[in-house]
């Protein structure tokens, strides 16, 4: 527990060299190699996982990873917590910080994650919000590099709505040095603030409503539904 923990909330908050180190460590663990001679570097550590939004892959991947690295997990859902029944997010953050070594939160509201991180005394990990999905991006980049080599200098195309994944892909383009081409319908445009930030960092971001233009010459094409998980029926129409 520390008064100034490092969080993993957005890719843009982390230096390129640190993100590269995370990718390299992930590949090392996947190969079954040890980190500094330790077979289970998270032995004795506990992760609390808060799921306000359900998931199959996020829960399984985090839980299996913690167990393979020697740690343990505590899974919490809204029905098992006091949030919404009088306890604030700040109180929850302080209490969990007394018991666990890190907190992962998967929620629809990015403001909840930000508030949790501001009061937590242990690292907080973004397992998904309606704003961004950095862990998924790190897994996607690791997968690309396993099959196609270094992603730096490559051309990646995104076809889907301008959602949380779009934002994280845009941020990743700046941090890992690849060209990002976005094909989103005008009414579901990618987040302009993320594009502006990435281009200020020197990234090449091309936005179009034509999927054929976006995928032309791409080294990888990433697709998604036009309707994001949790959207209302009105949003879908």
C-alpha atoms as a PDB file:
ATOM      1  CA  UNK A   1       0.000   0.000   0.000  1.00  0.00           C
ATOM      2  CA  UNK A   2       1.353   3.430  -0.963  1.00  0.00           C
ATOM      3  CA  UNK A   3       0.130   7.013  -0.873  1.00  0.00           C
ATOM      4  CA  UNK A   4       1.101   7.498  -4.524  1.00  0.00           C
ATOM      5  CA  UNK A   5       0.392   4.258  -6.439  1.00  0.00           C
ATOM      6  CA  UNK A   6       0.879   3.844 -10.176  1.00  0.00           C
ATOM      7  CA  UNK A   7      -2.367   3.144 -12.011  1.00  0.00           C
ATOM      8  CA  UNK A   8      -3.077   1.687 -15.464  1.00  0.00           C
ATOM      9  CA  UNK A   9      -6.073   3.692 -16.672  1.00  0.00           C
ATOM     10  CA  UNK A  10      -5.205   4.834 -20.193  1.00  0.00           C
ATOM     11  CA  UNK A  11      -2.377   4.055 -22.594  1.00  0.00           C
ATOM     12  CA  UNK A  12      -1.522   7.723 -22.982  1.00  0.00           C
ATOM     13  CA  UNK A  13      -0.714   7.901 -19.253  1.00  0.00           C
ATOM     14  CA  UNK A  14       2.121   5.381 -19.633  1.00  0.00           C
ATOM     15  CA  UNK A  15       5.449   5.922 -21.393  1.00  0.00           C
ATOM     16  CA  UNK A  16       6.179   4.000 -24.580  1.00  0.00           C
ATOM     17  CA  UNK A  17       9.141   2.255 -22.944  1.00  0.00           C
ATOM     18  CA  UNK A  18       6.974   1.032 -20.059  1.00  0.00           C
ATOM     19  CA  UNK A  19       4.265  -0.253 -22.396  1.00  0.00           C
ATOM     20  CA  UNK A  20       6.926  -2.100 -24.375  1.00  0.00           C
ATOM     21  CA  UNK A  21       8.200  -3.641 -21.149  1.00  0.00           C
ATOM     22  CA  UNK A  22       4.681  -4.880 -20.325  1.00  0.00           C
ATOM     23  CA  UNK A  23       4.363  -6.493 -23.761  1.00  0.00           C
ATOM     24  CA  UNK A  24       7.767  -8.151 -23.431  1.00  0.00           C
ATOM     25  CA  UNK A  25       6.952  -9.461 -19.955  1.00  0.00           C
ATOM     26  CA  UNK A  26       3.640 -10.841 -21.188  1.00  0.00           C
ATOM     27  CA  UNK A  27       5.415 -12.717 -23.962  1.00  0.00           C
ATOM     28  CA  UNK A  28       7.969 -14.034 -21.463  1.00  0.00           C
ATOM     29  CA  UNK A  29       5.267 -15.358 -19.136  1.00  0.00           C
ATOM     30  CA  UNK A  30       3.374 -16.910 -22.045  1.00  0.00           C
ATOM     31  CA  UNK A  31       6.502 -18.849 -23.004  1.00  0.00           C
ATOM     32  CA  UNK A  32       6.628 -20.174 -19.446  1.00  0.00           C
ATOM     33  CA  UNK A  33       9.855 -18.374 -18.558  1.00  0.00           C
ATOM     34  CA  UNK A  34      10.625 -16.990 -15.116  1.00  0.00           C
ATOM     35  CA  UNK A  35      10.963 -13.320 -14.186  1.00  0.00           C
ATOM     36  CA  UNK A  36      14.262 -12.726 -12.389  1.00  0.00           C
ATOM     37  CA  UNK A  37      14.313 -16.402 -11.464  1.00  0.00           C
ATOM     38  CA  UNK A  38      10.874 -16.308  -9.817  1.00  0.00           C
ATOM     39  CA  UNK A  39       8.363 -18.840 -11.086  1.00  0.00           C
ATOM     40  CA  UNK A  40       5.499 -17.105  -9.263  1.00  0.00           C
ATOM     41  CA  UNK A  41       6.364 -13.399  -8.901  1.00  0.00           C
ATOM     42  CA  UNK A  42       2.895 -12.555  -7.501  1.00  0.00           C
ATOM     43  CA  UNK A  43       2.971 -15.124  -4.696  1.00  0.00           C
ATOM     44  CA  UNK A  44       1.225 -13.708  -1.643  1.00  0.00           C
ATOM     45  CA  UNK A  45      -0.412 -10.887  -3.636  1.00  0.00           C
ATOM     46  CA  UNK A  46      -4.167 -10.395  -4.042  1.00  0.00           C
ATOM     47  CA  UNK A  47      -6.182  -8.652  -6.756  1.00  0.00           C
ATOM     48  CA  UNK A  48      -9.734  -7.382  -6.232  1.00  0.00           C
ATOM     49  CA  UNK A  49     -11.815  -7.425  -9.421  1.00  0.00           C
ATOM     50  CA  UNK A  50     -14.917  -5.216  -9.526  1.00  0.00           C
ATOM     51  CA  UNK A  51     -17.355  -6.144 -12.284  1.00  0.00           C
ATOM     52  CA  UNK A  52     -20.124  -3.588 -12.732  1.00  0.00           C
ATOM     53  CA  UNK A  53     -20.226  -4.720 -16.362  1.00  0.00           C
ATOM     54  CA  UNK A  54     -20.193  -8.482 -17.030  1.00  0.00           C
ATOM     55  CA  UNK A  55     -17.429 -10.217 -18.944  1.00  0.00           C
ATOM     56  CA  UNK A  56     -16.262 -13.668 -19.906  1.00  0.00           C
ATOM     57  CA  UNK A  57     -12.786 -13.009 -21.297  1.00  0.00           C
ATOM     58  CA  UNK A  58     -11.753 -10.222 -18.935  1.00  0.00           C
ATOM     59  CA  UNK A  59     -12.614 -12.222 -15.838  1.00  0.00           C
ATOM     60  CA  UNK A  60     -11.043 -15.460 -17.064  1.00  0.00           C
ATOM     61  CA  UNK A  61      -7.849 -13.810 -18.322  1.00  0.00           C
ATOM     62  CA  UNK A  62      -7.227 -11.776 -15.162  1.00  0.00           C
ATOM     63  CA  UNK A  63      -8.100 -14.618 -12.810  1.00  0.00           C
ATOM     64  CA  UNK A  64      -6.035 -17.261 -14.595  1.00  0.00           C
ATOM     65  CA  UNK A  65      -3.083 -14.873 -14.934  1.00  0.00           C
ATOM     66  CA  UNK A  66      -3.081 -14.095 -11.216  1.00  0.00           C
ATOM     67  CA  UNK A  67      -3.259 -17.776 -10.284  1.00  0.00           C
ATOM     68  CA  UNK A  68      -0.538 -18.808 -12.737  1.00  0.00           C
ATOM     69  CA  UNK A  69       1.737 -16.111 -11.307  1.00  0.00           C
ATOM     70  CA  UNK A  70       1.067 -17.227  -7.737  1.00  0.00           C
ATOM     71  CA  UNK A  71      -1.492 -14.626  -6.668  1.00  0.00           C
ATOM     72  CA  UNK A  72      -5.136 -14.782  -5.645  1.00  0.00           C
ATOM     73  CA  UNK A  73      -8.280 -12.904  -6.653  1.00  0.00           C
ATOM     74  CA  UNK A  74     -11.448 -11.602  -5.037  1.00  0.00           C
ATOM     75  CA  UNK A  75     -14.341 -11.077  -7.466  1.00  0.00           C
ATOM     76  CA  UNK A  76     -16.915  -8.429  -6.541  1.00  0.00           C
ATOM     77  CA  UNK A  77     -20.177  -7.598  -8.323  1.00  0.00           C
ATOM     78  CA  UNK A  78     -22.694  -4.820  -7.514  1.00  0.00           C
ATOM     79  CA  UNK A  79     -24.926  -7.294  -5.660  1.00  0.00           C
ATOM     80  CA  UNK A  80     -22.024  -8.190  -3.370  1.00  0.00           C
ATOM     81  CA  UNK A  81     -20.907  -4.629  -2.588  1.00  0.00           C
ATOM     82  CA  UNK A  82     -22.265  -1.674  -0.663  1.00  0.00           C
ATOM     83  CA  UNK A  83     -21.770   0.796  -3.536  1.00  0.00           C
ATOM     84  CA  UNK A  84     -25.207   2.176  -4.316  1.00  0.00           C
ATOM     85  CA  UNK A  85     -26.489   1.298  -0.841  1.00  0.00           C
ATOM     86  CA  UNK A  86     -24.892   4.117   1.066  1.00  0.00           C
ATOM     87  CA  UNK A  87     -21.169   3.442   0.651  1.00  0.00           C
ATOM     88  CA  UNK A  88     -19.240   5.772  -1.608  1.00  0.00           C
ATOM     89  CA  UNK A  89     -16.637   4.795  -4.165  1.00  0.00           C
ATOM     90  CA  UNK A  90     -14.087   6.632  -2.025  1.00  0.00           C
ATOM     91  CA  UNK A  91     -14.928   4.456   0.985  1.00  0.00           C
ATOM     92  CA  UNK A  92     -14.763   1.323  -1.148  1.00  0.00           C
ATOM     93  CA  UNK A  93     -11.347   2.333  -2.473  1.00  0.00           C
ATOM     94  CA  UNK A  94      -9.983   2.920   1.023  1.00  0.00           C
ATOM     95  CA  UNK A  95     -11.360  -0.351   2.400  1.00  0.00           C
ATOM     96  CA  UNK A  96     -10.117  -2.504  -0.477  1.00  0.00           C
ATOM     97  CA  UNK A  97      -6.697  -0.855  -0.229  1.00  0.00           C
ATOM     98  CA  UNK A  98      -6.367  -2.286   3.270  1.00  0.00           C
ATOM     99  CA  UNK A  99      -6.820  -5.855   2.052  1.00  0.00           C
ATOM    100  CA  UNK A 100      -5.551  -6.254  -1.512  1.00  0.00           C
ATOM    101  CA  UNK A 101      -2.477  -5.296  -3.507  1.00  0.00           C
ATOM    102  CA  UNK A 102      -4.288  -4.025  -6.618  1.00  0.00           C
ATOM    103  CA  UNK A 103      -7.809  -3.372  -7.894  1.00  0.00           C
ATOM    104  CA  UNK A 104      -9.197  -4.012 -11.367  1.00  0.00           C
ATOM    105  CA  UNK A 105     -12.492  -2.363 -12.272  1.00  0.00           C
ATOM    106  CA  UNK A 106     -14.758  -3.014 -15.259  1.00  0.00           C
ATOM    107  CA  UNK A 107     -17.532  -0.435 -15.454  1.00  0.00           C
ATOM    108  CA  UNK A 108     -19.586   1.569 -17.914  1.00  0.00           C
ATOM    109  CA  UNK A 109     -18.723   4.895 -16.309  1.00  0.00           C
ATOM    110  CA  UNK A 110     -15.177   6.182 -16.652  1.00  0.00           C
ATOM    111  CA  UNK A 111     -15.770   8.717 -13.867  1.00  0.00           C
ATOM    112  CA  UNK A 112     -16.250   5.850 -11.405  1.00  0.00           C
ATOM    113  CA  UNK A 113     -12.881   4.382 -12.343  1.00  0.00           C
ATOM    114  CA  UNK A 114     -11.201   7.777 -12.024  1.00  0.00           C
ATOM    115  CA  UNK A 115     -12.735   8.316  -8.587  1.00  0.00           C
ATOM    116  CA  UNK A 116     -11.706   4.848  -7.446  1.00  0.00           C
ATOM    117  CA  UNK A 117      -8.130   5.517  -8.557  1.00  0.00           C
ATOM    118  CA  UNK A 118      -8.032   8.913  -6.863  1.00  0.00           C
ATOM    119  CA  UNK A 119      -8.813   7.399  -3.453  1.00  0.00           C
ATOM    120  CA  UNK A 120      -7.152   3.980  -3.735  1.00  0.00           C
ATOM    121  CA  UNK A 121      -3.812   3.434  -2.026  1.00  0.00           C
ATOM    122  CA  UNK A 122      -2.965   0.514  -4.321  1.00  0.00           C
ATOM    123  CA  UNK A 123      -2.685   0.377  -8.134  1.00  0.00           C
ATOM    124  CA  UNK A 124      -5.968   0.468 -10.067  1.00  0.00           C
ATOM    125  CA  UNK A 125      -6.298  -1.214 -13.476  1.00  0.00           C
ATOM    126  CA  UNK A 126      -8.858  -0.290 -16.119  1.00  0.00           C
ATOM    127  CA  UNK A 127     -10.590  -3.541 -17.095  1.00  0.00           C
ATOM    128  CA  UNK A 128     -12.893  -1.563 -19.420  1.00  0.00           C
ATOM    129  CA  UNK A 129     -14.922   1.632 -19.307  1.00  0.00           C
ATOM    130  CA  UNK A 130     -17.084   3.391 -21.853  1.00  0.00           C
ATOM    131  CA  UNK A 131     -14.046   5.644 -22.384  1.00  0.00           C
ATOM    132  CA  UNK A 132     -11.195   3.217 -23.085  1.00  0.00           C
ATOM    133  CA  UNK A 133     -10.041  -0.414 -22.956  1.00  0.00           C
ATOM    134  CA  UNK A 134      -6.235  -0.394 -22.579  1.00  0.00           C
ATOM    135  CA  UNK A 135      -5.736  -3.991 -21.433  1.00  0.00           C
ATOM    136  CA  UNK A 136      -7.490  -5.322 -24.531  1.00  0.00           C
ATOM    137  CA  UNK A 137      -5.215  -3.189 -26.692  1.00  0.00           C
ATOM    138  CA  UNK A 138      -2.091  -4.535 -25.015  1.00  0.00           C
ATOM    139  CA  UNK A 139      -3.304  -8.093 -25.639  1.00  0.00           C
ATOM    140  CA  UNK A 140      -4.088  -7.265 -29.272  1.00  0.00           C
ATOM    141  CA  UNK A 141      -0.652  -5.763 -29.870  1.00  0.00           C
ATOM    142  CA  UNK A 142       1.064  -8.724 -28.238  1.00  0.00           C
ATOM    143  CA  UNK A 143      -0.939 -11.069 -30.486  1.00  0.00           C
ATOM    144  CA  UNK A 144      -0.071  -9.070 -33.607  1.00  0.00           C
ATOM    145  CA  UNK A 145       3.626  -9.141 -32.794  1.00  0.00           C
ATOM    146  CA  UNK A 146       3.563 -12.879 -32.145  1.00  0.00           C
ATOM    147  CA  UNK A 147       2.409 -13.427 -35.724  1.00  0.00           C
ATOM    148  CA  UNK A 148       3.650 -10.413 -37.698  1.00  0.00           C
ATOM    149  CA  UNK A 149       6.611  -8.941 -35.811  1.00  0.00           C
ATOM    150  CA  UNK A 150       7.109  -5.423 -34.459  1.00  0.00           C
ATOM    151  CA  UNK A 151       3.986  -3.288 -34.842  1.00  0.00           C
ATOM    152  CA  UNK A 152       6.033  -0.097 -35.136  1.00  0.00           C
ATOM    153  CA  UNK A 153       5.793   1.448 -38.600  1.00  0.00           C
ATOM    154  CA  UNK A 154       2.881  -0.778 -39.623  1.00  0.00           C
ATOM    155  CA  UNK A 155      -0.564   0.244 -40.860  1.00  0.00           C
ATOM    156  CA  UNK A 156      -3.543  -0.811 -38.734  1.00  0.00           C
ATOM    157  CA  UNK A 157      -7.157  -0.379 -39.869  1.00  0.00           C
ATOM    158  CA  UNK A 158     -10.160  -0.123 -37.574  1.00  0.00           C
ATOM    159  CA  UNK A 159     -13.702  -0.662 -38.883  1.00  0.00           C
ATOM    160  CA  UNK A 160     -16.445  -0.087 -36.333  1.00  0.00           C
ATOM    161  CA  UNK A 161     -18.023   2.616 -34.235  1.00  0.00           C
ATOM    162  CA  UNK A 162     -15.987   5.308 -32.532  1.00  0.00           C
ATOM    163  CA  UNK A 163     -16.045   3.624 -29.146  1.00  0.00           C
ATOM    164  CA  UNK A 164     -13.725   2.890 -26.230  1.00  0.00           C
ATOM    165  CA  UNK A 165     -11.639   0.501 -28.334  1.00  0.00           C
ATOM    166  CA  UNK A 166     -11.206   3.175 -30.987  1.00  0.00           C
ATOM    167  CA  UNK A 167      -9.811   5.575 -28.407  1.00  0.00           C
ATOM    168  CA  UNK A 168      -7.345   3.000 -27.123  1.00  0.00           C
ATOM    169  CA  UNK A 169      -6.204   2.106 -30.654  1.00  0.00           C
ATOM    170  CA  UNK A 170      -5.601   5.798 -31.339  1.00  0.00           C
ATOM    171  CA  UNK A 171      -3.560   6.177 -28.152  1.00  0.00           C
ATOM    172  CA  UNK A 172      -1.642   2.999 -28.982  1.00  0.00           C
ATOM    173  CA  UNK A 173      -0.720   4.385 -32.402  1.00  0.00           C
ATOM    174  CA  UNK A 174       1.087   7.246 -30.687  1.00  0.00           C
ATOM    175  CA  UNK A 175       2.773   5.091 -28.079  1.00  0.00           C
ATOM    176  CA  UNK A 176       3.873   2.222 -30.379  1.00  0.00           C
ATOM    177  CA  UNK A 177       4.531   4.224 -33.547  1.00  0.00           C
ATOM    178  CA  UNK A 178       2.161   2.733 -36.116  1.00  0.00           C
ATOM    179  CA  UNK A 179      -0.231   4.347 -38.604  1.00  0.00           C
ATOM    180  CA  UNK A 180      -3.906   4.165 -37.626  1.00  0.00           C
ATOM    181  CA  UNK A 181      -6.696   4.213 -40.212  1.00  0.00           C
ATOM    182  CA  UNK A 182     -10.233   4.550 -38.882  1.00  0.00           C
ATOM    183  CA  UNK A 183     -13.439   3.691 -40.745  1.00  0.00           C
ATOM    184  CA  UNK A 184     -16.401   4.853 -38.679  1.00  0.00           C
ATOM    185  CA  UNK A 185     -19.825   6.060 -39.832  1.00  0.00           C
ATOM    186  CA  UNK A 186     -20.190   9.858 -39.443  1.00  0.00           C
ATOM    187  CA  UNK A 187     -22.816   9.511 -36.704  1.00  0.00           C
ATOM    188  CA  UNK A 188     -20.450   7.201 -34.764  1.00  0.00           C
ATOM    189  CA  UNK A 189     -17.272   9.200 -35.324  1.00  0.00           C
ATOM    190  CA  UNK A 190     -14.019   8.436 -33.478  1.00  0.00           C
ATOM    191  CA  UNK A 191     -13.178  10.677 -30.492  1.00  0.00           C
ATOM    192  CA  UNK A 192     -11.631  13.859 -31.870  1.00  0.00           C
ATOM    193  CA  UNK A 193      -9.805  14.705 -28.645  1.00  0.00           C
ATOM    194  CA  UNK A 194      -7.946  11.392 -28.842  1.00  0.00           C
ATOM    195  CA  UNK A 195      -7.051  11.998 -32.494  1.00  0.00           C
ATOM    196  CA  UNK A 196      -5.779  15.503 -31.696  1.00  0.00           C
ATOM    197  CA  UNK A 197      -3.663  14.186 -28.805  1.00  0.00           C
ATOM    198  CA  UNK A 198      -2.168  11.367 -30.877  1.00  0.00           C
ATOM    199  CA  UNK A 199      -1.313  13.652 -33.779  1.00  0.00           C
ATOM    200  CA  UNK A 200       0.332  16.098 -31.368  1.00  0.00           C
ATOM    201  CA  UNK A 201       2.511  13.137 -30.318  1.00  0.00           C
ATOM    202  CA  UNK A 202       3.519  12.612 -33.956  1.00  0.00           C
ATOM    203  CA  UNK A 203       1.139   9.767 -34.811  1.00  0.00           C
ATOM    204  CA  UNK A 204      -0.404   9.339 -38.252  1.00  0.00           C
ATOM    205  CA  UNK A 205      -4.181   9.044 -37.915  1.00  0.00           C
ATOM    206  CA  UNK A 206      -6.429   8.812 -40.990  1.00  0.00           C
ATOM    207  CA  UNK A 207     -10.200   8.946 -40.486  1.00  0.00           C
ATOM    208  CA  UNK A 208     -12.720   8.010 -43.183  1.00  0.00           C
ATOM    209  CA  UNK A 209     -16.268   6.711 -43.585  1.00  0.00           C
ATOM    210  CA  UNK A 210     -15.129   4.307 -46.331  1.00  0.00           C
ATOM    211  CA  UNK A 211     -13.987   0.888 -45.022  1.00  0.00           C
ATOM    212  CA  UNK A 212     -12.333   0.028 -48.359  1.00  0.00           C
ATOM    213  CA  UNK A 213     -10.136   3.102 -48.077  1.00  0.00           C
ATOM    214  CA  UNK A 214      -9.220   2.286 -44.496  1.00  0.00           C
ATOM    215  CA  UNK A 215      -8.177  -1.318 -45.138  1.00  0.00           C
ATOM    216  CA  UNK A 216      -6.228  -0.627 -48.336  1.00  0.00           C
ATOM    217  CA  UNK A 217      -2.627  -1.703 -47.690  1.00  0.00           C
ATOM    218  CA  UNK A 218      -3.275  -2.490 -44.021  1.00  0.00           C
ATOM    219  CA  UNK A 219      -1.061  -4.939 -42.126  1.00  0.00           C
ATOM    220  CA  UNK A 220      -3.947  -5.744 -39.786  1.00  0.00           C
ATOM    221  CA  UNK A 221      -7.694  -5.106 -39.914  1.00  0.00           C
ATOM    222  CA  UNK A 222      -9.608  -4.864 -36.645  1.00  0.00           C
ATOM    223  CA  UNK A 223     -13.404  -4.946 -36.789  1.00  0.00           C
ATOM    224  CA  UNK A 224     -16.155  -4.346 -34.284  1.00  0.00           C
ATOM    225  CA  UNK A 225     -19.910  -4.114 -34.074  1.00  0.00           C
ATOM    226  CA  UNK A 226     -21.618  -0.834 -34.970  1.00  0.00           C
ATOM    227  CA  UNK A 227     -23.396  -1.115 -31.608  1.00  0.00           C
ATOM    228  CA  UNK A 228     -21.292  -1.179 -28.444  1.00  0.00           C
ATOM    229  CA  UNK A 229     -22.067  -3.479 -25.504  1.00  0.00           C
ATOM    230  CA  UNK A 230     -24.577  -1.869 -23.163  1.00  0.00           C
ATOM    231  CA  UNK A 231     -26.051   0.596 -25.673  1.00  0.00           C
ATOM    232  CA  UNK A 232     -29.790   1.125 -25.302  1.00  0.00           C
ATOM    233  CA  UNK A 233     -32.340   0.096 -27.920  1.00  0.00           C
ATOM    234  CA  UNK A 234     -32.639   3.745 -28.975  1.00  0.00           C
ATOM    235  CA  UNK A 235     -28.866   3.933 -29.383  1.00  0.00           C
ATOM    236  CA  UNK A 236     -28.918   0.780 -31.515  1.00  0.00           C
ATOM    237  CA  UNK A 237     -31.520   2.262 -33.878  1.00  0.00           C
END
